Amino acid sequence: MTVDRLVRLFAGLMILVSVALTHYVHPYWVILTLFVGANLAQSALTNICPLAAVLKKAGVPS
């Protein structure tokens, strides 16, 4: 898998997990959903993604 696909997969899984935690554990877990959404928006506007940088350093192909 490439870096772009792994970033999208990770973001999607984090949103699903945070929605489940919000529903079953505590409503404040919605903050994780907001954080992931804000990070996606920031990444789209600035073309800087911390997870992509980490994955590239780990040797994942671009």
N, C-alpha and C. Protein backbone atom coordinates (compact mmCIF):
# COMPACT_ATOMS: atom_id res chain seq x y z
N MET A 1 0.85 -1.19 0.00
CA MET A 1 0.00 0.00 0.00
C MET A 1 0.89 1.24 0.00
N THR A 2 0.36 2.29 -0.58
CA THR A 2 1.10 3.54 -0.64
C THR A 2 0.77 4.41 0.56
N VAL A 3 1.54 5.47 0.72
CA VAL A 3 1.34 6.39 1.84
C VAL A 3 -0.05 7.01 1.79
N ASP A 4 -0.47 7.46 0.59
CA ASP A 4 -1.78 8.12 0.47
C ASP A 4 -2.91 7.19 0.87
N ARG A 5 -2.85 5.95 0.44
CA ARG A 5 -3.91 5.00 0.78
C ARG A 5 -3.91 4.69 2.27
N LEU A 6 -2.73 4.57 2.86
CA LEU A 6 -2.65 4.29 4.30
C LEU A 6 -3.17 5.47 5.13
N VAL A 7 -2.90 6.69 4.69
CA VAL A 7 -3.40 7.86 5.40
C VAL A 7 -4.92 7.89 5.36
N ARG A 8 -5.50 7.64 4.19
CA ARG A 8 -6.97 7.63 4.08
C ARG A 8 -7.58 6.50 4.90
N LEU A 9 -6.94 5.33 4.89
CA LEU A 9 -7.43 4.20 5.67
C LEU A 9 -7.40 4.52 7.16
N PHE A 10 -6.28 5.08 7.62
CA PHE A 10 -6.14 5.42 9.03
C PHE A 10 -7.17 6.46 9.46
N ALA A 11 -7.36 7.50 8.65
CA ALA A 11 -8.33 8.54 8.98
C ALA A 11 -9.74 7.96 9.05
N GLY A 12 -10.09 7.13 8.10
CA GLY A 12 -11.42 6.52 8.11
C GLY A 12 -11.63 5.63 9.32
N LEU A 13 -10.64 4.82 9.66
CA LEU A 13 -10.76 3.95 10.82
C LEU A 13 -10.85 4.76 12.12
N MET A 14 -10.08 5.83 12.21
CA MET A 14 -10.14 6.67 13.42
C MET A 14 -11.52 7.30 13.58
N ILE A 15 -12.13 7.73 12.48
CA ILE A 15 -13.47 8.30 12.56
C ILE A 15 -14.47 7.25 13.00
N LEU A 16 -14.39 6.05 12.44
CA LEU A 16 -15.32 4.99 12.83
C LEU A 16 -15.15 4.60 14.30
N VAL A 17 -13.91 4.50 14.75
CA VAL A 17 -13.64 4.16 16.15
C VAL A 17 -14.16 5.26 17.07
N SER A 18 -13.93 6.51 16.70
CA SER A 18 -14.37 7.60 17.57
C SER A 18 -15.89 7.70 17.64
N VAL A 19 -16.57 7.40 16.53
CA VAL A 19 -18.03 7.40 16.56
C VAL A 19 -18.54 6.28 17.46
N ALA A 20 -17.92 5.11 17.38
CA ALA A 20 -18.32 4.00 18.26
C ALA A 20 -18.06 4.34 19.72
N LEU A 21 -16.89 4.94 20.02
CA LEU A 21 -16.59 5.33 21.40
C LEU A 21 -17.56 6.40 21.89
N THR A 22 -17.93 7.32 21.02
CA THR A 22 -18.90 8.36 21.40
C THR A 22 -20.23 7.74 21.75
N HIS A 23 -20.63 6.76 20.98
CA HIS A 23 -21.94 6.13 21.21
C HIS A 23 -21.95 5.22 22.44
N TYR A 24 -20.90 4.41 22.61
CA TYR A 24 -20.91 3.39 23.64
C TYR A 24 -20.21 3.78 24.94
N VAL A 25 -19.27 4.72 24.90
CA VAL A 25 -18.48 5.02 26.09
C VAL A 25 -18.86 6.35 26.70
N HIS A 26 -18.60 7.44 25.96
CA HIS A 26 -18.88 8.78 26.50
C HIS A 26 -18.98 9.77 25.35
N PRO A 27 -19.91 10.72 25.42
CA PRO A 27 -20.08 11.69 24.33
C PRO A 27 -18.85 12.55 24.06
N TYR A 28 -17.95 12.72 25.00
CA TYR A 28 -16.78 13.55 24.77
C TYR A 28 -15.80 12.95 23.76
N TRP A 29 -15.96 11.68 23.42
CA TRP A 29 -15.11 11.07 22.40
C TRP A 29 -15.33 11.72 21.03
N VAL A 30 -16.40 12.49 20.89
CA VAL A 30 -16.63 13.20 19.63
C VAL A 30 -15.48 14.17 19.34
N ILE A 31 -14.74 14.55 20.36
CA ILE A 31 -13.59 15.44 20.17
C ILE A 31 -12.56 14.77 19.26
N LEU A 32 -12.41 13.46 19.35
CA LEU A 32 -11.48 12.75 18.46
C LEU A 32 -11.94 12.87 17.01
N THR A 33 -13.24 12.76 16.77
CA THR A 33 -13.77 12.93 15.42
C THR A 33 -13.48 14.33 14.90
N LEU A 34 -13.67 15.32 15.76
CA LEU A 34 -13.39 16.70 15.36
C LEU A 34 -11.91 16.90 15.06
N PHE A 35 -11.04 16.29 15.85
CA PHE A 35 -9.60 16.39 15.62
C PHE A 35 -9.21 15.78 14.28
N VAL A 36 -9.74 14.61 13.97
CA VAL A 36 -9.41 13.96 12.71
C VAL A 36 -9.92 14.80 11.54
N GLY A 37 -11.13 15.34 11.65
CA GLY A 37 -11.66 16.19 10.59
C GLY A 37 -10.84 17.45 10.41
N ALA A 38 -10.43 18.06 11.51
CA ALA A 38 -9.61 19.27 11.43
C ALA A 38 -8.25 18.96 10.81
N ASN A 39 -7.68 17.80 11.15
CA ASN A 39 -6.39 17.42 10.58
C ASN A 39 -6.53 17.16 9.08
N LEU A 40 -7.63 16.56 8.65
CA LEU A 40 -7.84 16.34 7.22
C LEU A 40 -7.98 17.67 6.47
N ALA A 41 -8.71 18.62 7.05
CA ALA A 41 -8.87 19.93 6.42
C ALA A 41 -7.53 20.66 6.36
N GLN A 42 -6.78 20.62 7.44
CA GLN A 42 -5.46 21.27 7.47
C GLN A 42 -4.55 20.65 6.44
N SER A 43 -4.59 19.34 6.31
CA SER A 43 -3.74 18.65 5.35
C SER A 43 -4.12 19.03 3.91
N ALA A 44 -5.39 19.18 3.64
CA ALA A 44 -5.83 19.57 2.30
C ALA A 44 -5.40 20.99 1.96
N LEU A 45 -5.42 21.88 2.94
CA LEU A 45 -5.09 23.28 2.69
C LEU A 45 -3.58 23.54 2.63
N THR A 46 -2.81 22.83 3.44
CA THR A 46 -1.37 23.11 3.52
C THR A 46 -0.49 22.06 2.85
N ASN A 47 -1.09 20.92 2.49
CA ASN A 47 -0.37 19.80 1.90
C ASN A 47 0.72 19.26 2.84
N ILE A 48 0.48 19.39 4.14
CA ILE A 48 1.38 18.85 5.16
C ILE A 48 0.57 17.86 6.00
N CYS A 49 1.03 16.61 6.06
CA CYS A 49 0.34 15.59 6.85
C CYS A 49 1.36 14.90 7.75
N PRO A 50 1.19 15.03 9.07
CA PRO A 50 2.15 14.41 9.99
C PRO A 50 2.22 12.88 9.82
N LEU A 51 1.09 12.23 9.62
CA LEU A 51 1.10 10.77 9.46
C LEU A 51 1.85 10.38 8.19
N ALA A 52 1.68 11.12 7.11
CA ALA A 52 2.40 10.80 5.88
C ALA A 52 3.90 10.92 6.07
N ALA A 53 4.32 11.92 6.82
CA ALA A 53 5.76 12.09 7.09
C ALA A 53 6.30 10.91 7.88
N VAL A 54 5.55 10.46 8.87
CA VAL A 54 5.97 9.31 9.68
C VAL A 54 6.03 8.05 8.82
N LEU A 55 5.02 7.85 7.99
CA LEU A 55 5.00 6.66 7.14
C LEU A 55 6.14 6.66 6.13
N LYS A 56 6.47 7.83 5.58
CA LYS A 56 7.58 7.92 4.63
C LYS A 56 8.90 7.59 5.33
N LYS A 57 9.08 8.07 6.56
CA LYS A 57 10.31 7.77 7.30
C LYS A 57 10.39 6.28 7.66
N ALA A 58 9.21 5.64 7.79
CA ALA A 58 9.17 4.22 8.10
C ALA A 58 9.43 3.36 6.87
N GLY A 59 9.52 4.00 5.72
CA GLY A 59 9.86 3.24 4.51
C GLY A 59 8.70 2.80 3.67
N VAL A 60 7.50 3.33 3.92
CA VAL A 60 6.34 2.98 3.11
C VAL A 60 6.50 3.66 1.75
N PRO A 61 6.25 2.92 0.66
CA PRO A 61 6.43 3.53 -0.66
C PRO A 61 5.42 4.64 -0.93
N SER A 62 5.88 5.66 -1.65
CA SER A 62 5.00 6.79 -1.99
C SER A 62 4.05 6.39 -3.03
